[in-house]
Amino acid sequence: MAPDIQQTPFVKQLAANDRPTRDKALLSLRTYLSGRRDLSALELLKLWKGLFYCMWMSDRALTQQALANSLADLVSVLPPTTQIPFLRAFWQTMQREWTNIDVLRMEKFLLLTRRYLGATFMLLRDGRWEEGLVSEHLALLEEVPLEVEDVRIPNGMRFHVIDIYVDEIERVGGLENEGEGESSVPLEMLLEPLRKLAKSSPTKPVRTKAKDALADERLPGNEKVESEAVEDNGWGGIED
């Protein structure tokens, strides 16, 4: 890869407002990435610097949404050996740039972050929730966006990933196939990064946010709390 990969035409053209130009650029990038198994960490960071500024420069709402979806879909064409390094470069780029994103641009980067967390869970689903694969991806999430103590991780990024965590598990059907079986969702394992934050984060708002996520009524067991609350209020239902 050339040292200035972020300046190559197909990267710059991803931010174009006309769809044909974006589609052509995306096809070029997908083709490029699908055949590369030897991308170094530095090369991936250079690439993500370019992709970050593609998103930065995209102006229209529909263009931003399409670009976020397209960038997240790149994960699906990567060789398996490149997926974790590519995702790591994304999270490291977001970590580095998060506090520099102004309020007018933050929404599109929140969307991009959501799409990348979702892409991670889609990889796990498509891999039939194989334990080793799940462990590897959770370790990456705990290394950057959901790391417990590192002050270099912006809490704003932690908050957002915590906020959308259960949403994105649900989006891939992860709340419907929980339990025993070869391809069942290891939900308890998936929730472990949140538990570590809830227990050990040195920042009280992070602990509170993680506890709130773990109390989400969509998670198995939490709906019982609501039922008990109804009983405590004296509501016995309508008798026949």
C-alpha atoms as a PDB file:
ATOM      1  CA  MET A   1       0.000   0.000   0.000  1.00  0.00           C
ATOM      2  CA  ALA A   2       1.270   3.442  -0.826  1.00  0.00           C
ATOM      3  CA  PRO A   3       2.052   5.690   2.173  1.00  0.00           C
ATOM      4  CA  ASP A   4      -0.699   8.107   1.094  1.00  0.00           C
ATOM      5  CA  ILE A   5      -3.494   5.556   0.675  1.00  0.00           C
ATOM      6  CA  GLN A   6      -5.926   7.986   2.322  1.00  0.00           C
ATOM      7  CA  GLN A   7      -5.416  10.320  -0.655  1.00  0.00           C
ATOM      8  CA  THR A   8      -6.136   7.748  -3.367  1.00  0.00           C
ATOM      9  CA  PRO A   9      -9.095   8.593  -5.639  1.00  0.00           C
ATOM     10  CA  PHE A  10     -11.340   5.723  -4.579  1.00  0.00           C
ATOM     11  CA  VAL A  11     -11.053   6.754  -0.912  1.00  0.00           C
ATOM     12  CA  LYS A  12     -11.660  10.451  -1.569  1.00  0.00           C
ATOM     13  CA  GLN A  13     -14.584   9.711  -3.897  1.00  0.00           C
ATOM     14  CA  LEU A  14     -16.481   7.845  -1.186  1.00  0.00           C
ATOM     15  CA  ALA A  15     -17.549  11.242   0.159  1.00  0.00           C
ATOM     16  CA  ALA A  16     -19.030  12.353  -3.178  1.00  0.00           C
ATOM     17  CA  ASN A  17     -22.626  13.549  -3.120  1.00  0.00           C
ATOM     18  CA  ASP A  18     -23.541  11.720  -6.330  1.00  0.00           C
ATOM     19  CA  ARG A  19     -24.310   8.046  -5.873  1.00  0.00           C
ATOM     20  CA  PRO A  20     -22.637   6.710  -9.065  1.00  0.00           C
ATOM     21  CA  THR A  21     -19.280   8.132  -7.961  1.00  0.00           C
ATOM     22  CA  ARG A  22     -19.682   6.700  -4.453  1.00  0.00           C
ATOM     23  CA  ASP A  23     -20.727   3.304  -5.771  1.00  0.00           C
ATOM     24  CA  LYS A  24     -17.758   3.118  -8.134  1.00  0.00           C
ATOM     25  CA  ALA A  25     -15.361   4.142  -5.355  1.00  0.00           C
ATOM     26  CA  LEU A  26     -16.882   1.615  -2.953  1.00  0.00           C
ATOM     27  CA  LEU A  27     -16.528  -1.178  -5.497  1.00  0.00           C
ATOM     28  CA  SER A  28     -12.859  -0.284  -5.970  1.00  0.00           C
ATOM     29  CA  LEU A  29     -12.258  -0.256  -2.219  1.00  0.00           C
ATOM     30  CA  ARG A  30     -14.114  -3.543  -1.679  1.00  0.00           C
ATOM     31  CA  THR A  31     -12.089  -5.187  -4.429  1.00  0.00           C
ATOM     32  CA  TYR A  32      -8.874  -3.817  -2.979  1.00  0.00           C
ATOM     33  CA  LEU A  33      -9.607  -5.001   0.563  1.00  0.00           C
ATOM     34  CA  SER A  34     -11.018  -8.407  -0.370  1.00  0.00           C
ATOM     35  CA  GLY A  35      -7.705  -9.515  -1.766  1.00  0.00           C
ATOM     36  CA  ARG A  36      -5.391  -8.157   0.927  1.00  0.00           C
ATOM     37  CA  ARG A  37      -4.251 -10.411   3.739  1.00  0.00           C
ATOM     38  CA  ASP A  38      -1.004  -8.616   4.465  1.00  0.00           C
ATOM     39  CA  LEU A  39      -2.173  -5.173   5.578  1.00  0.00           C
ATOM     40  CA  SER A  40      -0.098  -3.913   8.483  1.00  0.00           C
ATOM     41  CA  ALA A  41      -1.511  -2.034  11.469  1.00  0.00           C
ATOM     42  CA  LEU A  42       0.077   1.177  10.184  1.00  0.00           C
ATOM     43  CA  GLU A  43      -1.397   0.719   6.709  1.00  0.00           C
ATOM     44  CA  LEU A  44      -4.850   0.151   8.162  1.00  0.00           C
ATOM     45  CA  LEU A  45      -4.554   3.258  10.319  1.00  0.00           C
ATOM     46  CA  LYS A  46      -3.585   5.264   7.224  1.00  0.00           C
ATOM     47  CA  LEU A  47      -6.593   3.865   5.394  1.00  0.00           C
ATOM     48  CA  TRP A  48      -8.907   4.684   8.290  1.00  0.00           C
ATOM     49  CA  LYS A  49      -7.577   8.209   8.493  1.00  0.00           C
ATOM     50  CA  GLY A  50      -8.765   8.653   4.916  1.00  0.00           C
ATOM     51  CA  LEU A  51     -12.108   6.958   5.551  1.00  0.00           C
ATOM     52  CA  PHE A  52     -12.680   9.050   8.671  1.00  0.00           C
ATOM     53  CA  TYR A  53     -12.294  12.252   6.668  1.00  0.00           C
ATOM     54  CA  CYS A  54     -14.542  10.888   3.945  1.00  0.00           C
ATOM     55  CA  MET A  55     -17.248  10.754   6.595  1.00  0.00           C
ATOM     56  CA  TRP A  56     -16.155  14.134   7.961  1.00  0.00           C
ATOM     57  CA  MET A  57     -16.592  15.783   4.554  1.00  0.00           C
ATOM     58  CA  SER A  58     -19.916  14.141   3.637  1.00  0.00           C
ATOM     59  CA  ASP A  59     -22.647  16.756   3.962  1.00  0.00           C
ATOM     60  CA  ARG A  60     -26.100  15.477   3.102  1.00  0.00           C
ATOM     61  CA  ALA A  61     -28.001  13.276   5.537  1.00  0.00           C
ATOM     62  CA  LEU A  62     -28.778  10.553   3.012  1.00  0.00           C
ATOM     63  CA  THR A  63     -25.177  10.581   1.791  1.00  0.00           C
ATOM     64  CA  GLN A  64     -23.942  10.239   5.376  1.00  0.00           C
ATOM     65  CA  GLN A  65     -26.271   7.332   6.058  1.00  0.00           C
ATOM     66  CA  ALA A  66     -25.320   5.559   2.834  1.00  0.00           C
ATOM     67  CA  LEU A  67     -21.617   6.079   3.501  1.00  0.00           C
ATOM     68  CA  ALA A  68     -21.876   4.766   7.073  1.00  0.00           C
ATOM     69  CA  ASN A  69     -23.678   1.655   5.814  1.00  0.00           C
ATOM     70  CA  SER A  70     -21.168   1.146   3.009  1.00  0.00           C
ATOM     71  CA  LEU A  71     -18.144   1.516   5.278  1.00  0.00           C
ATOM     72  CA  ALA A  72     -19.578  -0.953   7.788  1.00  0.00           C
ATOM     73  CA  ASP A  73     -20.307  -3.432   5.010  1.00  0.00           C
ATOM     74  CA  LEU A  74     -16.592  -3.516   4.137  1.00  0.00           C
ATOM     75  CA  VAL A  75     -16.067  -5.830   7.109  1.00  0.00           C
ATOM     76  CA  SER A  76     -18.018  -8.587   5.356  1.00  0.00           C
ATOM     77  CA  VAL A  77     -15.646  -8.733   2.369  1.00  0.00           C
ATOM     78  CA  LEU A  78     -12.412  -8.798   4.347  1.00  0.00           C
ATOM     79  CA  PRO A  79     -10.396 -12.007   4.605  1.00  0.00           C
ATOM     80  CA  PRO A  80     -10.930 -13.463   8.117  1.00  0.00           C
ATOM     81  CA  THR A  81      -7.339 -12.713   9.098  1.00  0.00           C
ATOM     82  CA  THR A  82      -7.854  -9.025   8.296  1.00  0.00           C
ATOM     83  CA  GLN A  83     -11.164  -8.477  10.087  1.00  0.00           C
ATOM     84  CA  ILE A  84      -9.864  -7.938  13.620  1.00  0.00           C
ATOM     85  CA  PRO A  85      -6.964  -5.668  12.510  1.00  0.00           C
ATOM     86  CA  PHE A  86      -9.368  -3.634  10.347  1.00  0.00           C
ATOM     87  CA  LEU A  87     -11.847  -3.255  13.209  1.00  0.00           C
ATOM     88  CA  ARG A  88      -9.038  -2.364  15.602  1.00  0.00           C
ATOM     89  CA  ALA A  89      -7.902   0.407  13.244  1.00  0.00           C
ATOM     90  CA  PHE A  90     -11.482   1.723  13.139  1.00  0.00           C
ATOM     91  CA  TRP A  91     -11.822   1.831  16.934  1.00  0.00           C
ATOM     92  CA  GLN A  92      -8.364   3.334  17.385  1.00  0.00           C
ATOM     93  CA  THR A  93      -9.213   6.032  14.850  1.00  0.00           C
ATOM     94  CA  MET A  94     -12.465   6.828  16.630  1.00  0.00           C
ATOM     95  CA  GLN A  95     -10.629   6.921  19.957  1.00  0.00           C
ATOM     96  CA  ARG A  96      -8.073   9.367  18.574  1.00  0.00           C
ATOM     97  CA  GLU A  97     -10.557  11.647  16.838  1.00  0.00           C
ATOM     98  CA  TRP A  98     -13.621  11.511  19.109  1.00  0.00           C
ATOM     99  CA  THR A  99     -12.944  14.661  21.129  1.00  0.00           C
ATOM    100  CA  ASN A 100     -12.178  16.602  17.932  1.00  0.00           C
ATOM    101  CA  ILE A 101     -15.595  15.957  16.399  1.00  0.00           C
ATOM    102  CA  ASP A 102     -17.742  19.080  16.596  1.00  0.00           C
ATOM    103  CA  VAL A 103     -21.394  18.978  17.574  1.00  0.00           C
ATOM    104  CA  LEU A 104     -22.594  19.478  13.990  1.00  0.00           C
ATOM    105  CA  ARG A 105     -20.723  16.382  12.807  1.00  0.00           C
ATOM    106  CA  MET A 106     -21.170  14.139  15.829  1.00  0.00           C
ATOM    107  CA  GLU A 107     -24.451  12.565  14.712  1.00  0.00           C
ATOM    108  CA  LYS A 108     -22.959  10.941  11.610  1.00  0.00           C
ATOM    109  CA  PHE A 109     -20.070   9.519  13.621  1.00  0.00           C
ATOM    110  CA  LEU A 110     -22.482   8.164  16.206  1.00  0.00           C
ATOM    111  CA  LEU A 111     -24.216   6.389  13.322  1.00  0.00           C
ATOM    112  CA  LEU A 112     -20.921   5.071  11.960  1.00  0.00           C
ATOM    113  CA  THR A 113     -20.025   3.741  15.410  1.00  0.00           C
ATOM    114  CA  ARG A 114     -23.407   2.028  15.666  1.00  0.00           C
ATOM    115  CA  ARG A 115     -22.933   0.433  12.259  1.00  0.00           C
ATOM    116  CA  TYR A 116     -19.494  -0.884  13.212  1.00  0.00           C
ATOM    117  CA  LEU A 117     -20.676  -2.377  16.478  1.00  0.00           C
ATOM    118  CA  GLY A 118     -23.507  -3.953  14.513  1.00  0.00           C
ATOM    119  CA  ALA A 119     -21.036  -5.288  11.934  1.00  0.00           C
ATOM    120  CA  THR A 120     -19.109  -6.944  14.749  1.00  0.00           C
ATOM    121  CA  PHE A 121     -22.191  -8.750  16.032  1.00  0.00           C
ATOM    122  CA  MET A 122     -23.119  -9.766  12.478  1.00  0.00           C
ATOM    123  CA  LEU A 123     -19.715 -11.413  12.091  1.00  0.00           C
ATOM    124  CA  LEU A 124     -20.345 -13.345  15.296  1.00  0.00           C
ATOM    125  CA  ARG A 125     -23.816 -14.390  14.167  1.00  0.00           C
ATOM    126  CA  ASP A 126     -22.560 -15.480  10.752  1.00  0.00           C
ATOM    127  CA  GLY A 127     -19.806 -17.404  12.525  1.00  0.00           C
ATOM    128  CA  ARG A 128     -22.536 -19.264  14.439  1.00  0.00           C
ATOM    129  CA  TRP A 129     -21.391 -17.660  17.691  1.00  0.00           C
ATOM    130  CA  GLU A 130     -18.295 -19.872  17.823  1.00  0.00           C
ATOM    131  CA  GLU A 131     -16.684 -19.368  21.232  1.00  0.00           C
ATOM    132  CA  GLY A 132     -13.197 -18.528  20.005  1.00  0.00           C
ATOM    133  CA  LEU A 133     -14.526 -15.992  17.515  1.00  0.00           C
ATOM    134  CA  VAL A 134     -16.711 -14.358  20.157  1.00  0.00           C
ATOM    135  CA  SER A 135     -13.803 -14.188  22.607  1.00  0.00           C
ATOM    136  CA  GLU A 136     -11.548 -12.548  20.035  1.00  0.00           C
ATOM    137  CA  HIS A 137     -14.044  -9.833  19.156  1.00  0.00           C
ATOM    138  CA  LEU A 138     -15.037  -9.157  22.743  1.00  0.00           C
ATOM    139  CA  ALA A 139     -11.370  -8.785  23.621  1.00  0.00           C
ATOM    140  CA  LEU A 140     -11.112  -6.079  20.963  1.00  0.00           C
ATOM    141  CA  LEU A 141     -14.169  -4.253  22.337  1.00  0.00           C
ATOM    142  CA  GLU A 142     -12.637  -4.404  25.810  1.00  0.00           C
ATOM    143  CA  GLU A 143      -9.346  -3.169  24.384  1.00  0.00           C
ATOM    144  CA  VAL A 144     -10.747   0.073  22.972  1.00  0.00           C
ATOM    145  CA  PRO A 145     -14.345   1.321  23.208  1.00  0.00           C
ATOM    146  CA  LEU A 146     -15.276  -0.584  26.376  1.00  0.00           C
ATOM    147  CA  GLU A 147     -11.887  -0.557  28.083  1.00  0.00           C
ATOM    148  CA  VAL A 148     -12.408  -0.110  31.806  1.00  0.00           C
ATOM    149  CA  GLU A 149      -9.702   2.246  33.060  1.00  0.00           C
ATOM    150  CA  ASP A 150      -7.655   3.826  30.245  1.00  0.00           C
ATOM    151  CA  VAL A 151      -8.159   7.603  30.406  1.00  0.00           C
ATOM    152  CA  ARG A 152      -7.222   7.846  26.733  1.00  0.00           C
ATOM    153  CA  ILE A 153     -10.572   6.283  25.830  1.00  0.00           C
ATOM    154  CA  PRO A 154     -13.096   9.149  25.644  1.00  0.00           C
ATOM    155  CA  ASN A 155     -15.994   8.521  27.994  1.00  0.00           C
ATOM    156  CA  GLY A 156     -18.295   9.914  25.329  1.00  0.00           C
ATOM    157  CA  MET A 157     -17.377   6.964  23.124  1.00  0.00           C
ATOM    158  CA  ARG A 158     -17.842   4.554  26.018  1.00  0.00           C
ATOM    159  CA  PHE A 159     -21.288   6.024  26.752  1.00  0.00           C
ATOM    160  CA  HIS A 160     -22.432   5.677  23.160  1.00  0.00           C
ATOM    161  CA  VAL A 161     -21.255   2.086  22.764  1.00  0.00           C
ATOM    162  CA  ILE A 162     -22.910   1.162  26.067  1.00  0.00           C
ATOM    163  CA  ASP A 163     -26.123   2.867  24.932  1.00  0.00           C
ATOM    164  CA  ILE A 164     -26.361   0.912  21.677  1.00  0.00           C
ATOM    165  CA  TYR A 165     -24.907  -2.398  22.862  1.00  0.00           C
ATOM    166  CA  VAL A 166     -28.157  -4.259  23.555  1.00  0.00           C
ATOM    167  CA  ASP A 167     -29.810  -2.628  20.522  1.00  0.00           C
ATOM    168  CA  GLU A 168     -27.223  -4.109  18.187  1.00  0.00           C
ATOM    169  CA  ILE A 169     -27.342  -7.547  19.801  1.00  0.00           C
ATOM    170  CA  GLU A 170     -31.100  -7.498  19.291  1.00  0.00           C
ATOM    171  CA  ARG A 171     -30.708  -6.303  15.692  1.00  0.00           C
ATOM    172  CA  VAL A 172     -28.847  -9.488  14.723  1.00  0.00           C
ATOM    173  CA  GLY A 173     -31.352 -11.722  16.517  1.00  0.00           C
ATOM    174  CA  GLY A 174     -29.126 -12.196  19.528  1.00  0.00           C
ATOM    175  CA  LEU A 175     -31.997 -11.967  21.991  1.00  0.00           C
ATOM    176  CA  GLU A 176     -34.082 -14.578  20.183  1.00  0.00           C
ATOM    177  CA  ASN A 177     -31.616 -17.461  20.070  1.00  0.00           C
ATOM    178  CA  GLU A 178     -30.152 -17.351  23.545  1.00  0.00           C
ATOM    179  CA  GLY A 179     -29.690 -20.641  25.339  1.00  0.00           C
ATOM    180  CA  GLU A 180     -28.192 -24.041  24.697  1.00  0.00           C
ATOM    181  CA  GLY A 181     -27.268 -25.468  21.325  1.00  0.00           C
ATOM    182  CA  GLU A 182     -24.480 -25.427  18.783  1.00  0.00           C
ATOM    183  CA  SER A 183     -25.399 -22.038  17.290  1.00  0.00           C
ATOM    184  CA  SER A 184     -27.098 -20.462  20.300  1.00  0.00           C
ATOM    185  CA  VAL A 185     -26.183 -16.955  21.360  1.00  0.00           C
ATOM    186  CA  PRO A 186     -23.743 -16.825  24.306  1.00  0.00           C
ATOM    187  CA  LEU A 187     -25.556 -13.833  25.746  1.00  0.00           C
ATOM    188  CA  GLU A 188     -23.931 -14.004  29.157  1.00  0.00           C
ATOM    189  CA  MET A 189     -20.551 -13.903  27.441  1.00  0.00           C
ATOM    190  CA  LEU A 190     -21.580 -10.971  25.241  1.00  0.00           C
ATOM    191  CA  LEU A 191     -22.667  -8.959  28.271  1.00  0.00           C
ATOM    192  CA  GLU A 192     -19.418  -9.474  30.163  1.00  0.00           C
ATOM    193  CA  PRO A 193     -17.782  -6.215  28.904  1.00  0.00           C
ATOM    194  CA  LEU A 194     -20.717  -4.280  30.368  1.00  0.00           C
ATOM    195  CA  ARG A 195     -20.434  -6.140  33.669  1.00  0.00           C
ATOM    196  CA  LYS A 196     -16.745  -5.265  33.924  1.00  0.00           C
ATOM    197  CA  LEU A 197     -17.543  -1.588  33.364  1.00  0.00           C
ATOM    198  CA  ALA A 198     -20.408  -1.667  35.859  1.00  0.00           C
ATOM    199  CA  LYS A 199     -18.153  -3.205  38.502  1.00  0.00           C
ATOM    200  CA  SER A 200     -14.730  -1.708  37.918  1.00  0.00           C
ATOM    201  CA  SER A 201     -14.882   1.577  36.035  1.00  0.00           C
ATOM    202  CA  PRO A 202     -13.298   4.344  38.132  1.00  0.00           C
ATOM    203  CA  THR A 203     -15.901   6.751  36.720  1.00  0.00           C
ATOM    204  CA  LYS A 204     -19.309   6.662  38.401  1.00  0.00           C
ATOM    205  CA  PRO A 205     -21.323   7.810  35.340  1.00  0.00           C
ATOM    206  CA  VAL A 206     -19.773   4.951  33.318  1.00  0.00           C
ATOM    207  CA  ARG A 207     -20.653   2.452  36.045  1.00  0.00           C
ATOM    208  CA  THR A 208     -24.199   3.802  36.170  1.00  0.00           C
ATOM    209  CA  LYS A 209     -24.587   3.721  32.381  1.00  0.00           C
ATOM    210  CA  ALA A 210     -23.373   0.105  32.229  1.00  0.00           C
ATOM    211  CA  LYS A 211     -25.711  -0.947  35.053  1.00  0.00           C
ATOM    212  CA  ASP A 212     -28.621   0.683  33.241  1.00  0.00           C
ATOM    213  CA  ALA A 213     -27.753  -1.249  30.065  1.00  0.00           C
ATOM    214  CA  LEU A 214     -27.600  -4.516  31.998  1.00  0.00           C
ATOM    215  CA  ALA A 215     -31.036  -3.725  33.459  1.00  0.00           C
ATOM    216  CA  ASP A 216     -32.559  -3.382  29.973  1.00  0.00           C
ATOM    217  CA  GLU A 217     -35.968  -5.039  30.056  1.00  0.00           C
ATOM    218  CA  ARG A 218     -35.234  -6.831  26.783  1.00  0.00           C
ATOM    219  CA  LEU A 219     -32.590  -8.972  28.478  1.00  0.00           C
ATOM    220  CA  PRO A 220     -33.700 -12.325  29.903  1.00  0.00           C
ATOM    221  CA  GLY A 221     -34.610 -12.097  33.555  1.00  0.00           C
ATOM    222  CA  ASN A 222     -35.153  -8.361  33.672  1.00  0.00           C
ATOM    223  CA  GLU A 223     -38.786  -8.582  32.649  1.00  0.00           C
ATOM    224  CA  LYS A 224     -39.487 -10.303  36.005  1.00  0.00           C
ATOM    225  CA  VAL A 225     -38.656  -7.077  37.799  1.00  0.00           C
ATOM    226  CA  GLU A 226     -41.476  -5.358  35.947  1.00  0.00           C
ATOM    227  CA  SER A 227     -43.920  -8.151  36.801  1.00  0.00           C
ATOM    228  CA  GLU A 228     -43.026  -7.945  40.461  1.00  0.00           C
ATOM    229  CA  ALA A 229     -43.505  -4.181  40.372  1.00  0.00           C
ATOM    230  CA  VAL A 230     -47.018  -4.643  39.005  1.00  0.00           C
ATOM    231  CA  GLU A 231     -47.849  -7.107  41.775  1.00  0.00           C
ATOM    232  CA  ASP A 232     -46.492  -4.729  44.391  1.00  0.00           C
ATOM    233  CA  ASN A 233     -48.862  -2.056  43.119  1.00  0.00           C
ATOM    234  CA  GLY A 234     -51.797  -4.285  44.022  1.00  0.00           C
ATOM    235  CA  TRP A 235     -52.985  -4.949  40.486  1.00  0.00           C
ATOM    236  CA  GLY A 236     -54.487  -8.405  40.352  1.00  0.00           C
ATOM    237  CA  GLY A 237     -55.884  -8.305  36.842  1.00  0.00           C
ATOM    238  CA  ILE A 238     -59.505  -8.503  35.774  1.00  0.00           C
ATOM    239  CA  GLU A 239     -61.386 -11.429  37.215  1.00  0.00           C
ATOM    240  CA  ASP A 240     -63.773 -13.398  35.045  1.00  0.00           C
END
